[in-house]
PDB file of N, CA and C in Angstrom:
ATOM      1  N   MET A   1       9.163   5.966   5.301  1.00  0.00           N
ATOM      2  CA  MET A   1       8.033   5.655   3.208  1.00  0.00           C
ATOM      3  C   MET A   1       7.202   6.652   4.035  1.00  0.00           C
ATOM      4  N   GLN A   2       6.021   5.680   4.879  1.00  0.00           N
ATOM      5  CA  GLN A   2       4.768   6.509   4.636  1.00  0.00           C
ATOM      6  C   GLN A   2       4.658   8.248   4.731  1.00  0.00           C
ATOM      7  N   THR A   3       5.711   8.793   5.502  1.00  0.00           N
ATOM      8  CA  THR A   3       5.869  10.180   5.202  1.00  0.00           C
ATOM      9  C   THR A   3       5.637  10.666   3.833  1.00  0.00           C
ATOM     10  N   HIS A   4       6.579  10.108   3.292  1.00  0.00           N
ATOM     11  CA  HIS A   4       7.536  10.839   1.767  1.00  0.00           C
ATOM     12  C   HIS A   4       6.380  10.265   0.853  1.00  0.00           C
ATOM     13  N   LEU A   5       5.069   9.124   1.186  1.00  0.00           N
ATOM     14  CA  LEU A   5       4.521   8.834   0.329  1.00  0.00           C
ATOM     15  C   LEU A   5       3.107   9.904   0.512  1.00  0.00           C
ATOM     16  N   ALA A   6       2.944  10.247   1.585  1.00  0.00           N
ATOM     17  CA  ALA A   6       1.910  11.503   1.800  1.00  0.00           C
ATOM     18  C   ALA A   6       2.064  12.900   1.767  1.00  0.00           C
ATOM     19  N   ALA A   7       3.567  12.940   1.665  1.00  0.00           N
ATOM     20  CA  ALA A   7       3.561  14.080   1.265  1.00  0.00           C
ATOM     21  C   ALA A   7       3.837  14.248  -0.084  1.00  0.00           C
ATOM     22  N   GLN A   8       3.482  13.516  -0.714  1.00  0.00           N
ATOM     23  CA  GLN A   8       3.401  13.456  -2.485  1.00  0.00           C
ATOM     24  C   GLN A   8       2.009  14.105  -2.869  1.00  0.00           C
ATOM     25  N   ASP A   9       0.868  13.396  -1.760  1.00  0.00           N
ATOM     26  CA  ASP A   9      -0.585  14.013  -2.222  1.00  0.00           C
ATOM     27  C   ASP A   9      -1.075  13.014  -0.655  1.00  0.00           C
ATOM     28  N   ASP A  10      -2.185  13.500  -0.460  1.00  0.00           N
ATOM     29  CA  ASP A  10      -2.479  13.238   0.819  1.00  0.00           C
ATOM     30  C   ASP A  10      -3.462  12.196   0.603  1.00  0.00           C
ATOM     31  N   ASP A  11      -3.899  11.582  -0.557  1.00  0.00           N
ATOM     32  CA  ASP A  11      -4.468  10.825  -0.787  1.00  0.00           C
ATOM     33  C   ASP A  11      -3.698   9.470  -1.060  1.00  0.00           C
ATOM     34  N   VAL A  12      -2.245   9.395  -1.624  1.00  0.00           N
ATOM     35  CA  VAL A  12      -1.652   8.685  -1.888  1.00  0.00           C
ATOM     36  C   VAL A  12      -1.335   7.455  -1.314  1.00  0.00           C
ATOM     37  N   TRP A  13      -1.334   7.955   0.693  1.00  0.00           N
ATOM     38  CA  TRP A  13      -1.297   6.879   1.184  1.00  0.00           C
ATOM     39  C   TRP A  13      -2.496   6.093   1.897  1.00  0.00           C
ATOM     40  N   TYR A  14      -4.001   6.109   1.149  1.00  0.00           N
ATOM     41  CA  TYR A  14      -5.346   5.942   1.804  1.00  0.00           C
ATOM     42  C   TYR A  14      -4.936   4.492   0.209  1.00  0.00           C
ATOM     43  N   VAL A  15      -4.659   5.079  -0.824  1.00  0.00           N
ATOM     44  CA  VAL A  15      -4.520   3.610  -2.229  1.00  0.00           C
ATOM     45  C   VAL A  15      -3.457   2.447  -1.443  1.00  0.00           C
ATOM     46  N   ILE A  16      -2.613   3.123  -0.808  1.00  0.00           N
ATOM     47  CA  ILE A  16      -1.547   2.203  -0.160  1.00  0.00           C
ATOM     48  C   ILE A  16      -2.010   1.173   0.657  1.00  0.00           C
ATOM     49  N   THR A  17      -3.666   1.490   1.122  1.00  0.00           N
ATOM     50  CA  THR A  17      -3.536   0.782   2.734  1.00  0.00           C
ATOM     51  C   THR A  17      -5.011   0.503   2.351  1.00  0.00           C
ATOM     52  N   ASP A  18      -5.676   1.205   1.326  1.00  0.00           N
ATOM     53  CA  ASP A  18      -7.077   0.442   0.738  1.00  0.00           C
ATOM     54  C   ASP A  18      -7.573   0.601  -0.247  1.00  0.00           C
ATOM     55  N   GLY A  19      -6.022   0.296  -1.112  1.00  0.00           N
ATOM     56  CA  GLY A  19      -6.355  -0.630  -2.832  1.00  0.00           C
ATOM     57  C   GLY A  19      -6.897   1.539  -3.540  1.00  0.00           C
ATOM     58  N   PRO A  20      -6.467   1.170  -5.028  1.00  0.00           N
ATOM     59  CA  PRO A  20      -7.230   1.979  -5.462  1.00  0.00           C
ATOM     60  C   PRO A  20      -8.700   2.550  -5.409  1.00  0.00           C
ATOM     61  N   MET A  21      -8.601   4.070  -5.580  1.00  0.00           N
ATOM     62  CA  MET A  21      -9.909   4.243  -5.456  1.00  0.00           C
ATOM     63  C   MET A  21     -10.554   4.503  -6.469  1.00  0.00           C
ATOM     64  N   LYS A  22     -11.797   4.091  -6.107  1.00  0.00           N
ATOM     65  CA  LYS A  22     -13.228   3.899  -7.368  1.00  0.00           C
ATOM     66  C   LYS A  22     -13.827   4.835  -7.406  1.00  0.00           C
ATOM     67  N   ILE A  23     -14.324   5.665  -8.480  1.00  0.00           N
ATOM     68  CA  ILE A  23     -14.602   6.661  -8.650  1.00  0.00           C
ATOM     69  C   ILE A  23     -16.189   6.642  -9.246  1.00  0.00           C
ATOM     70  N   LEU A  24     -16.978   7.108  -7.955  1.00  0.00           N
ATOM     71  CA  LEU A  24     -18.387   6.755  -7.677  1.00  0.00           C
ATOM     72  C   LEU A  24     -19.147   7.570  -8.410  1.00  0.00           C
ATOM     73  N   LYS A  25     -20.283   7.496  -8.480  1.00  0.00           N
ATOM     74  CA  LYS A  25     -21.695   8.603  -8.186  1.00  0.00           C
ATOM     75  C   LYS A  25     -23.014   8.108  -7.869  1.00  0.00           C
ATOM     76  N   ALA A  26     -23.796   9.236  -7.330  1.00  0.00           N
ATOM     77  CA  ALA A  26     -24.923   8.350  -7.073  1.00  0.00           C
ATOM     78  C   ALA A  26     -25.890   8.134  -8.118  1.00  0.00           C
ATOM     79  N   ASN A  27     -26.516   7.015  -7.307  1.00  0.00           N
ATOM     80  CA  ASN A  27     -27.280   6.107  -8.410  1.00  0.00           C
ATOM     81  C   ASN A  27     -28.959   7.216  -8.112  1.00  0.00           C
ATOM     82  N   THR A  28     -29.300   7.709  -9.386  1.00  0.00           N
ATOM     83  CA  THR A  28     -30.565   8.102  -8.993  1.00  0.00           C
ATOM     84  C   THR A  28     -31.511   7.597  -9.338  1.00  0.00           C
ATOM     85  N   ASP A  29     -31.869   6.448 -10.330  1.00  0.00           N
ATOM     86  CA  ASP A  29     -32.251   5.297  -9.748  1.00  0.00           C
ATOM     87  C   ASP A  29     -33.341   4.754  -9.038  1.00  0.00           C
ATOM     88  N   VAL A  30     -31.972   4.636  -7.836  1.00  0.00           N
ATOM     89  CA  VAL A  30     -32.814   3.847  -6.470  1.00  0.00           C
ATOM     90  C   VAL A  30     -32.676   4.888  -5.439  1.00  0.00           C
ATOM     91  N   PRO A  31     -33.811   4.393  -4.962  1.00  0.00           N
ATOM     92  CA  PRO A  31     -33.895   5.594  -4.064  1.00  0.00           C
ATOM     93  C   PRO A  31     -33.229   5.556  -2.756  1.00  0.00           C
ATOM     94  N   ILE A  32     -32.708   6.881  -1.997  1.00  0.00           N
ATOM     95  CA  ILE A  32     -32.141   7.145  -0.847  1.00  0.00           C
ATOM     96  C   ILE A  32     -32.641   6.332   0.096  1.00  0.00           C
ATOM     97  N   THR A  33     -32.208   5.303   0.803  1.00  0.00           N
ATOM     98  CA  THR A  33     -32.322   4.610   1.846  1.00  0.00           C
ATOM     99  C   THR A  33     -31.075   4.867   3.113  1.00  0.00           C
ATOM    100  N   TYR A  34     -32.168   5.066   4.269  1.00  0.00           N
ATOM    101  CA  TYR A  34     -31.181   5.511   5.599  1.00  0.00           C
ATOM    102  C   TYR A  34     -30.527   6.849   5.166  1.00  0.00           C
ATOM    103  N   GLY A  35     -31.036   7.734   4.927  1.00  0.00           N
ATOM    104  CA  GLY A  35     -30.379   9.131   4.509  1.00  0.00           C
ATOM    105  C   GLY A  35     -29.120   9.246   3.333  1.00  0.00           C
ATOM    106  N   ALA A  36     -28.613   8.337   3.026  1.00  0.00           N
ATOM    107  CA  ALA A  36     -27.338   8.172   1.918  1.00  0.00           C
ATOM    108  C   ALA A  36     -27.905   7.568   0.894  1.00  0.00           C
ATOM    109  N   PRO A  37     -27.441   7.613  -0.317  1.00  0.00           N
ATOM    110  CA  PRO A  37     -27.723   7.450  -1.307  1.00  0.00           C
ATOM    111  C   PRO A  37     -26.618   6.158  -1.970  1.00  0.00           C
ATOM    112  N   HIS A  38     -27.005   5.390  -3.052  1.00  0.00           N
ATOM    113  CA  HIS A  38     -26.634   4.165  -3.737  1.00  0.00           C
ATOM    114  C   HIS A  38     -25.310   4.518  -4.721  1.00  0.00           C
ATOM    115  N   HIS A  39     -24.565   4.190  -4.757  1.00  0.00           N
ATOM    116  CA  HIS A  39     -23.423   4.545  -5.717  1.00  0.00           C
ATOM    117  C   HIS A  39     -23.140   3.654  -6.760  1.00  0.00           C
ATOM    118  N   ILE A  40     -23.159   4.293  -7.954  1.00  0.00           N
ATOM    119  CA  ILE A  40     -22.287   3.438  -9.024  1.00  0.00           C
ATOM    120  C   ILE A  40     -21.199   3.949  -9.354  1.00  0.00           C
ATOM    121  N   GLU A  41     -20.382   2.953 -10.304  1.00  0.00           N
ATOM    122  CA  GLU A  41     -19.323   3.488 -10.995  1.00  0.00           C
ATOM    123  C   GLU A  41     -19.509   4.861 -11.927  1.00  0.00           C
ATOM    124  N   LYS A  42     -18.786   5.466 -11.753  1.00  0.00           N
ATOM    125  CA  LYS A  42     -18.815   6.909 -12.398  1.00  0.00           C
ATOM    126  C   LYS A  42     -18.289   6.715 -13.860  1.00  0.00           C
ATOM    127  N   PRO A  43     -18.954   7.159 -15.296  1.00  0.00           N
ATOM    128  CA  PRO A  43     -18.399   6.729 -16.466  1.00  0.00           C
ATOM    129  C   PRO A  43     -17.369   7.411 -16.464  1.00  0.00           C
ATOM    130  N   GLN A  44     -16.240   7.479 -17.496  1.00  0.00           N
ATOM    131  CA  GLN A  44     -15.042   7.920 -17.748  1.00  0.00           C
ATOM    132  C   GLN A  44     -15.437   9.085 -18.309  1.00  0.00           C
ATOM    133  N   ASP A  45     -16.406   8.904 -19.128  1.00  0.00           N
ATOM    134  CA  ASP A  45     -16.944  10.475 -20.047  1.00  0.00           C
ATOM    135  C   ASP A  45     -17.384  11.463 -18.767  1.00  0.00           C
ATOM    136  N   GLU A  46     -17.725  10.951 -18.221  1.00  0.00           N
ATOM    137  CA  GLU A  46     -18.104  12.072 -16.748  1.00  0.00           C
ATOM    138  C   GLU A  46     -16.964  12.581 -15.839  1.00  0.00           C
ATOM    139  N   TRP A  47     -15.603  12.193 -16.152  1.00  0.00           N
ATOM    140  CA  TRP A  47     -15.015  12.280 -14.871  1.00  0.00           C
ATOM    141  C   TRP A  47     -15.007  14.030 -15.380  1.00  0.00           C
ATOM    142  N   THR A  48     -14.056  14.031 -14.010  1.00  0.00           N
ATOM    143  CA  THR A  48     -13.748  15.724 -13.439  1.00  0.00           C
ATOM    144  C   THR A  48     -12.240  15.418 -13.576  1.00  0.00           C
ATOM    145  N   ALA A  49     -11.517  16.800 -13.625  1.00  0.00           N
ATOM    146  CA  ALA A  49     -10.140  16.667 -13.051  1.00  0.00           C
ATOM    147  C   ALA A  49      -9.596  15.945 -11.747  1.00  0.00           C
ATOM    148  N   GLU A  50     -10.382  16.312 -10.872  1.00  0.00           N
ATOM    149  CA  GLU A  50     -10.183  15.785  -9.752  1.00  0.00           C
ATOM    150  C   GLU A  50     -10.437  13.780  -9.629  1.00  0.00           C
ATOM    151  N   ASP A  51     -11.417  13.481 -10.966  1.00  0.00           N
ATOM    152  CA  ASP A  51     -11.611  12.369 -10.776  1.00  0.00           C
ATOM    153  C   ASP A  51     -10.375  11.959 -11.488  1.00  0.00           C
ATOM    154  N   LYS A  52     -10.099  12.258 -12.468  1.00  0.00           N
ATOM    155  CA  LYS A  52      -8.759  11.973 -12.926  1.00  0.00           C
ATOM    156  C   LYS A  52      -7.753  11.402 -12.027  1.00  0.00           C
ATOM    157  N   ARG A  53      -6.926  12.987 -11.376  1.00  0.00           N
ATOM    158  CA  ARG A  53      -6.209  12.588 -10.316  1.00  0.00           C
ATOM    159  C   ARG A  53      -6.457  11.330  -9.648  1.00  0.00           C
ATOM    160  N   LYS A  54      -7.901  11.124  -8.610  1.00  0.00           N
ATOM    161  CA  LYS A  54      -7.866   9.988  -7.808  1.00  0.00           C
ATOM    162  C   LYS A  54      -7.214   9.206  -8.685  1.00  0.00           C
ATOM    163  N   ASP A  55      -8.330   9.003  -9.388  1.00  0.00           N
ATOM    164  CA  ASP A  55      -7.725   7.958 -10.262  1.00  0.00           C
ATOM    165  C   ASP A  55      -6.355   7.625 -10.956  1.00  0.00           C
ATOM    166  N   ASN A  56      -5.266   8.081 -10.700  1.00  0.00           N
ATOM    167  CA  ASN A  56      -3.977   8.244 -11.032  1.00  0.00           C
ATOM    168  C   ASN A  56      -3.347   7.608  -9.966  1.00  0.00           C
ATOM    169  N   LEU A  57      -3.839   8.497  -8.710  1.00  0.00           N
ATOM    170  CA  LEU A  57      -3.238   7.774  -7.275  1.00  0.00           C
ATOM    171  C   LEU A  57      -2.632   6.903  -6.950  1.00  0.00           C
ATOM    172  N   ASP A  58      -3.199   5.316  -7.775  1.00  0.00           N
ATOM    173  CA  ASP A  58      -2.287   4.666  -7.609  1.00  0.00           C
ATOM    174  C   ASP A  58      -1.643   4.047  -8.585  1.00  0.00           C
ATOM    175  N   ASP A  59      -1.232   4.702  -9.168  1.00  0.00           N
ATOM    176  CA  ASP A  59      -0.130   4.432 -10.443  1.00  0.00           C
ATOM    177  C   ASP A  59       0.783   5.918  -9.672  1.00  0.00           C
ATOM    178  N   VAL A  60       0.809   6.427  -8.839  1.00  0.00           N
ATOM    179  CA  VAL A  60       1.988   7.418  -8.560  1.00  0.00           C
ATOM    180  C   VAL A  60       2.525   6.556  -7.700  1.00  0.00           C
ATOM    181  N   ALA A  61       1.577   6.029  -6.745  1.00  0.00           N
ATOM    182  CA  ALA A  61       1.940   5.404  -4.927  1.00  0.00           C
ATOM    183  C   ALA A  61       3.534   4.000  -5.637  1.00  0.00           C
ATOM    184  N   LYS A  62       2.771   3.079  -7.280  1.00  0.00           N
ATOM    185  CA  LYS A  62       3.511   2.013  -7.414  1.00  0.00           C
ATOM    186  C   LYS A  62       4.690   2.817  -8.003  1.00  0.00           C
ATOM    187  N   TYR A  63       5.019   4.116  -8.387  1.00  0.00           N
ATOM    188  CA  TYR A  63       5.660   4.174  -9.097  1.00  0.00           C
ATOM    189  C   TYR A  63       6.863   4.874  -8.180  1.00  0.00           C
ATOM    190  N   ILE A  64       6.621   5.731  -7.176  1.00  0.00           N
ATOM    191  CA  ILE A  64       7.171   6.084  -5.764  1.00  0.00           C
ATOM    192  C   ILE A  64       7.599   4.724  -4.792  1.00  0.00           C
ATOM    193  N   LEU A  65       6.941   4.261  -5.377  1.00  0.00           N
ATOM    194  CA  LEU A  65       7.635   2.540  -4.718  1.00  0.00           C
ATOM    195  C   LEU A  65       8.631   1.952  -5.328  1.00  0.00           C
ATOM    196  N   TYR A  66       8.273   1.903  -6.834  1.00  0.00           N
ATOM    197  CA  TYR A  66       9.215   1.290  -7.992  1.00  0.00           C
ATOM    198  C   TYR A  66      10.739   2.147  -7.353  1.00  0.00           C
ATOM    199  N   LYS A  67      10.882   2.722  -7.841  1.00  0.00           N
ATOM    200  CA  LYS A  67      11.735   4.000  -7.998  1.00  0.00           C
ATOM    201  C   LYS A  67      12.629   3.851  -6.542  1.00  0.00           C
ATOM    202  N   THR A  68      12.480   3.404  -5.560  1.00  0.00           N
ATOM    203  CA  THR A  68      12.679   2.751  -4.410  1.00  0.00           C
ATOM    204  C   THR A  68      13.426   1.494  -3.987  1.00  0.00           C
ATOM    205  N   LEU A  69      13.481   0.405  -4.854  1.00  0.00           N
ATOM    206  CA  LEU A  69      13.683  -0.996  -4.789  1.00  0.00           C
ATOM    207  C   LEU A  69      14.962  -1.097  -5.664  1.00  0.00           C
ATOM    208  N   ASP A  70      15.325  -2.142  -4.614  1.00  0.00           N
ATOM    209  CA  ASP A  70      16.705  -2.589  -6.057  1.00  0.00           C
ATOM    210  C   ASP A  70      15.943  -3.496  -6.788  1.00  0.00           C
ATOM    211  N   LYS A  71      16.741  -4.193  -7.838  1.00  0.00           N
ATOM    212  CA  LYS A  71      16.583  -4.905  -8.846  1.00  0.00           C
ATOM    213  C   LYS A  71      15.994  -6.123  -8.593  1.00  0.00           C
ATOM    214  N   ASP A  72      17.003  -6.689  -7.554  1.00  0.00           N
ATOM    215  CA  ASP A  72      16.015  -8.091  -6.816  1.00  0.00           C
ATOM    216  C   ASP A  72      14.586  -8.177  -6.007  1.00  0.00           C
ATOM    217  N   THR A  73      14.497  -7.216  -5.283  1.00  0.00           N
ATOM    218  CA  THR A  73      13.006  -6.896  -4.423  1.00  0.00           C
ATOM    219  C   THR A  73      12.547  -6.665  -5.663  1.00  0.00           C
ATOM    220  N   PHE A  74      12.363  -5.526  -6.768  1.00  0.00           N
ATOM    221  CA  PHE A  74      11.506  -5.517  -7.587  1.00  0.00           C
ATOM    222  C   PHE A  74      11.241  -6.712  -8.488  1.00  0.00           C
ATOM    223  N   SER A  75      11.730  -7.167  -8.901  1.00  0.00           N
ATOM    224  CA  SER A  75      11.814  -8.927  -9.628  1.00  0.00           C
ATOM    225  C   SER A  75      10.592  -9.496  -8.605  1.00  0.00           C
ATOM    226  N   LYS A  76      10.511  -9.424  -6.817  1.00  0.00           N
ATOM    227  CA  LYS A  76       9.603 -10.189  -6.205  1.00  0.00           C
ATOM    228  C   LYS A  76       8.149  -9.103  -6.240  1.00  0.00           C
ATOM    229  N   ILE A  77       8.044  -8.077  -7.026  1.00  0.00           N
ATOM    230  CA  ILE A  77       6.865  -7.339  -6.461  1.00  0.00           C
ATOM    231  C   ILE A  77       6.431  -7.144  -7.924  1.00  0.00           C
ATOM    232  N   LYS A  78       7.050  -7.245  -9.187  1.00  0.00           N
ATOM    233  CA  LYS A  78       6.949  -6.564 -10.332  1.00  0.00           C
ATOM    234  C   LYS A  78       5.324  -7.120 -10.627  1.00  0.00           C
ATOM    235  N   MET A  79       4.479  -8.231 -10.126  1.00  0.00           N
ATOM    236  CA  MET A  79       3.755  -8.998 -10.732  1.00  0.00           C
ATOM    237  C   MET A  79       2.696  -8.526 -10.184  1.00  0.00           C
ATOM    238  N   ARG A  80       2.362  -7.580  -9.022  1.00  0.00           N
ATOM    239  CA  ARG A  80       1.609  -7.191  -8.483  1.00  0.00           C
ATOM    240  C   ARG A  80       0.766  -6.160  -8.944  1.00  0.00           C
ATOM    241  N   LYS A  81      -0.633  -6.234  -8.615  1.00  0.00           N
ATOM    242  CA  LYS A  81      -1.348  -4.747 -10.048  1.00  0.00           C
ATOM    243  C   LYS A  81      -1.480  -3.702  -9.158  1.00  0.00           C
ATOM    244  N   ASN A  82      -1.635  -3.528  -7.944  1.00  0.00           N
ATOM    245  CA  ASN A  82      -1.676  -2.383  -7.473  1.00  0.00           C
ATOM    246  C   ASN A  82      -0.884  -1.949  -6.167  1.00  0.00           C
ATOM    247  N   ALA A  83      -0.624  -1.144  -6.116  1.00  0.00           N
ATOM    248  CA  ALA A  83       0.392  -0.141  -4.701  1.00  0.00           C
ATOM    249  C   ALA A  83      -0.090  -1.197  -3.195  1.00  0.00           C
ATOM    250  N   LYS A  84      -1.495  -1.009  -2.866  1.00  0.00           N
ATOM    251  CA  LYS A  84      -1.349  -1.872  -2.036  1.00  0.00           C
ATOM    252  C   LYS A  84      -0.864  -3.318  -2.265  1.00  0.00           C
ATOM    253  N   GLU A  85      -1.360  -4.220  -3.129  1.00  0.00           N
ATOM    254  CA  GLU A  85      -0.480  -5.363  -2.881  1.00  0.00           C
ATOM    255  C   GLU A  85       0.894  -5.242  -3.433  1.00  0.00           C
ATOM    256  N   ILE A  86       1.423  -4.369  -3.604  1.00  0.00           N
ATOM    257  CA  ILE A  86       2.979  -4.615  -3.235  1.00  0.00           C
ATOM    258  C   ILE A  86       3.397  -3.893  -1.774  1.00  0.00           C
ATOM    259  N   TRP A  87       2.780  -3.308  -1.476  1.00  0.00           N
ATOM    260  CA  TRP A  87       3.099  -3.041  -0.136  1.00  0.00           C
ATOM    261  C   TRP A  87       3.112  -4.062   0.744  1.00  0.00           C
ATOM    262  N   GLU A  88       1.670  -4.749   0.630  1.00  0.00           N
ATOM    263  CA  GLU A  88       1.651  -5.604   1.147  1.00  0.00           C
ATOM    264  C   GLU A  88       3.091  -6.688   0.954  1.00  0.00           C
ATOM    265  N   LYS A  89       2.980  -7.186   0.067  1.00  0.00           N
ATOM    266  CA  LYS A  89       4.491  -8.095  -0.684  1.00  0.00           C
ATOM    267  C   LYS A  89       5.480  -7.484   0.562  1.00  0.00           C
ATOM    268  N   LEU A  90       5.734  -6.655   0.067  1.00  0.00           N
ATOM    269  CA  LEU A  90       7.128  -5.615   1.057  1.00  0.00           C
ATOM    270  C   LEU A  90       7.227  -5.620   2.031  1.00  0.00           C
ATOM    271  N   ILE A  91       5.929  -5.876   2.719  1.00  0.00           N
ATOM    272  CA  ILE A  91       5.777  -6.219   4.531  1.00  0.00           C
ATOM    273  C   ILE A  91       6.266  -7.296   4.768  1.00  0.00           C
ATOM    274  N   GLN A  92       5.400  -8.522   3.661  1.00  0.00           N
ATOM    275  CA  GLN A  92       5.693  -9.885   4.170  1.00  0.00           C
ATOM    276  C   GLN A  92       7.401 -10.214   3.955  1.00  0.00           C
ATOM    277  N   LEU A  93       7.985  -9.386   2.612  1.00  0.00           N
ATOM    278  CA  LEU A  93       9.603  -9.702   2.495  1.00  0.00           C
ATOM    279  C   LEU A  93      10.475  -8.729   3.498  1.00  0.00           C
ATOM    280  N   CYS A  94       9.965  -8.024   4.148  1.00  0.00           N
ATOM    281  CA  CYS A  94      11.069  -7.532   4.601  1.00  0.00           C
ATOM    282  C   CYS A  94      11.282  -8.022   6.611  1.00  0.00           C
ATOM    283  N   GLU A  95       9.431  -7.945   6.540  1.00  0.00           N
ATOM    284  CA  GLU A  95       9.296  -8.461   8.440  1.00  0.00           C
ATOM    285  C   GLU A  95       8.866 -10.310   8.345  1.00  0.00           C
ATOM    286  N   GLY A  96       8.672 -10.718   7.239  1.00  0.00           N
ATOM    287  CA  GLY A  96       7.846 -11.844   7.464  1.00  0.00           C
ATOM    288  C   GLY A  96       6.875 -12.171   8.210  1.00  0.00           C
ATOM    289  N   ASN A  97       6.866 -13.638   8.410  1.00  0.00           N
ATOM    290  CA  ASN A  97       5.209 -13.990   9.300  1.00  0.00           C
ATOM    291  C   ASN A  97       6.006 -14.241  10.816  1.00  0.00           C
ATOM    292  N   GLU A  98       4.955 -14.441  11.017  1.00  0.00           N
ATOM    293  CA  GLU A  98       5.038 -14.161  12.810  1.00  0.00           C
ATOM    294  C   GLU A  98       6.047 -15.424  12.788  1.00  0.00           C
ATOM    295  N   GLN A  99       6.322 -16.556  12.319  1.00  0.00           N
ATOM    296  CA  GLN A  99       7.543 -17.228  13.000  1.00  0.00           C
ATOM    297  C   GLN A  99       8.875 -16.754  12.491  1.00  0.00           C
ATOM    298  N   ALA A 100       8.787 -16.353  10.963  1.00  0.00           N
ATOM    299  CA  ALA A 100       9.955 -15.404  11.110  1.00  0.00           C
ATOM    300  C   ALA A 100      10.942 -14.875  12.083  1.00  0.00           C
ATOM    301  N   LYS A 101       9.299 -13.384  12.224  1.00  0.00           N
ATOM    302  CA  LYS A 101       9.808 -12.854  12.980  1.00  0.00           C
ATOM    303  C   LYS A 101      10.377 -13.215  14.228  1.00  0.00           C
ATOM    304  N   GLU A 102       9.799 -14.415  14.976  1.00  0.00           N
ATOM    305  CA  GLU A 102      10.041 -14.730  16.165  1.00  0.00           C
ATOM    306  C   GLU A 102      12.158 -15.629  15.990  1.00  0.00           C
ATOM    307  N   ASN A 103      11.711 -16.322  14.947  1.00  0.00           N
ATOM    308  CA  ASN A 103      13.214 -16.786  14.431  1.00  0.00           C
ATOM    309  C   ASN A 103      14.527 -15.184  14.784  1.00  0.00           C
ATOM    310  N   LYS A 104      13.827 -14.049  13.779  1.00  0.00           N
ATOM    311  CA  LYS A 104      14.840 -13.174  14.320  1.00  0.00           C
ATOM    312  C   LYS A 104      15.424 -12.675  15.034  1.00  0.00           C
ATOM    313  N   LEU A 105      14.368 -13.084  16.420  1.00  0.00           N
ATOM    314  CA  LEU A 105      14.270 -12.458  17.669  1.00  0.00           C
ATOM    315  C   LEU A 105      15.182 -13.211  18.190  1.00  0.00           C
ATOM    316  N   SER A 106      15.174 -14.667  18.173  1.00  0.00           N
ATOM    317  CA  SER A 106      16.149 -15.586  18.265  1.00  0.00           C
ATOM    318  C   SER A 106      17.283 -15.445  18.456  1.00  0.00           C
ATOM    319  N   VAL A 107      17.572 -15.292  17.053  1.00  0.00           N
ATOM    320  CA  VAL A 107      19.113 -15.047  16.399  1.00  0.00           C
ATOM    321  C   VAL A 107      20.074 -13.987  16.787  1.00  0.00           C
ATOM    322  N   ALA A 108      18.944 -12.954  16.938  1.00  0.00           N
ATOM    323  CA  ALA A 108      19.708 -11.661  17.701  1.00  0.00           C
ATOM    324  C   ALA A 108      19.715 -11.974  19.126  1.00  0.00           C
ATOM    325  N   VAL A 109      18.895 -12.614  20.041  1.00  0.00           N
ATOM    326  CA  VAL A 109      19.164 -12.691  21.371  1.00  0.00           C
ATOM    327  C   VAL A 109      20.688 -13.650  21.559  1.00  0.00           C
ATOM    328  N   GLN A 110      20.894 -14.186  20.607  1.00  0.00           N
ATOM    329  CA  GLN A 110      21.902 -15.020  20.800  1.00  0.00           C
ATOM    330  C   GLN A 110      22.860 -14.664  20.459  1.00  0.00           C
ATOM    331  N   LYS A 111      23.145 -13.573  19.660  1.00  0.00           N
ATOM    332  CA  LYS A 111      24.333 -12.777  19.255  1.00  0.00           C
ATOM    333  C   LYS A 111      24.390 -12.169  20.571  1.00  0.00           C
ATOM    334  N   PHE A 112      23.457 -11.212  21.326  1.00  0.00           N
ATOM    335  CA  PHE A 112      23.479 -10.763  22.171  1.00  0.00           C
ATOM    336  C   PHE A 112      24.414 -11.624  22.869  1.00  0.00           C
ATOM    337  N   ASP A 113      23.789 -12.502  23.538  1.00  0.00           N
ATOM    338  CA  ASP A 113      24.688 -13.286  24.546  1.00  0.00           C
ATOM    339  C   ASP A 113      26.164 -13.540  24.435  1.00  0.00           C
ATOM    340  N   ASN A 114      26.137 -14.212  23.266  1.00  0.00           N
ATOM    341  CA  ASN A 114      27.467 -14.582  22.820  1.00  0.00           C
ATOM    342  C   ASN A 114      28.580 -12.903  22.927  1.00  0.00           C
ATOM    343  N   ILE A 115      27.679 -12.137  22.915  1.00  0.00           N
ATOM    344  CA  ILE A 115      29.147 -10.641  22.807  1.00  0.00           C
ATOM    345  C   ILE A 115      29.121 -10.523  24.832  1.00  0.00           C
ATOM    346  N   LYS A 116      27.793 -10.573  24.745  1.00  0.00           N
ATOM    347  CA  LYS A 116      28.198 -10.604  26.480  1.00  0.00           C
ATOM    348  C   LYS A 116      29.315 -11.508  27.199  1.00  0.00           C
ATOM    349  N   MET A 117      29.709 -12.724  26.193  1.00  0.00           N
ATOM    350  CA  MET A 117      30.094 -13.839  27.185  1.00  0.00           C
ATOM    351  C   MET A 117      31.847 -13.504  26.930  1.00  0.00           C
ATOM    352  N   LYS A 118      31.908 -13.187  25.616  1.00  0.00           N
ATOM    353  CA  LYS A 118      33.310 -12.772  25.283  1.00  0.00           C
ATOM    354  C   LYS A 118      33.730 -11.935  25.882  1.00  0.00           C
ATOM    355  N   ILE A 119      32.812 -10.483  26.485  1.00  0.00           N
ATOM    356  CA  ILE A 119      33.471  -9.911  26.739  1.00  0.00           C
ATOM    357  C   ILE A 119      34.043  -9.686  28.559  1.00  0.00           C
ATOM    358  N   GLY A 120      32.966 -10.593  28.591  1.00  0.00           N
ATOM    359  CA  GLY A 120      33.046 -11.080  30.314  1.00  0.00           C
ATOM    360  C   GLY A 120      34.197 -12.038  30.424  1.00  0.00           C
TER     361      GLY A 120
END
């Protein structure tokens, strides 16, 4: 899935891991400190085509995730507001917490042991 998302746009995986991109500009009203300007949110009427593309990346990522899910899974994530939250919920649903992972491993080991006992 990571490869598929990254193949759509280099920055799509970024919005999955770090959340929606914020469109910023340098704040010229505040002096530069430590060699770096302060940034403020850029008004939409100043956005360039590249800014608009970056703002849309979260929607692109959500669309890709939505179209890969079955109805049952979709119903569990549809209330999430951005792609990062959707991804985190999918990880929780698929992998579970540490205790759930340990339980799955224990069950798998027991099944394996039962197979070995039947063969012998």
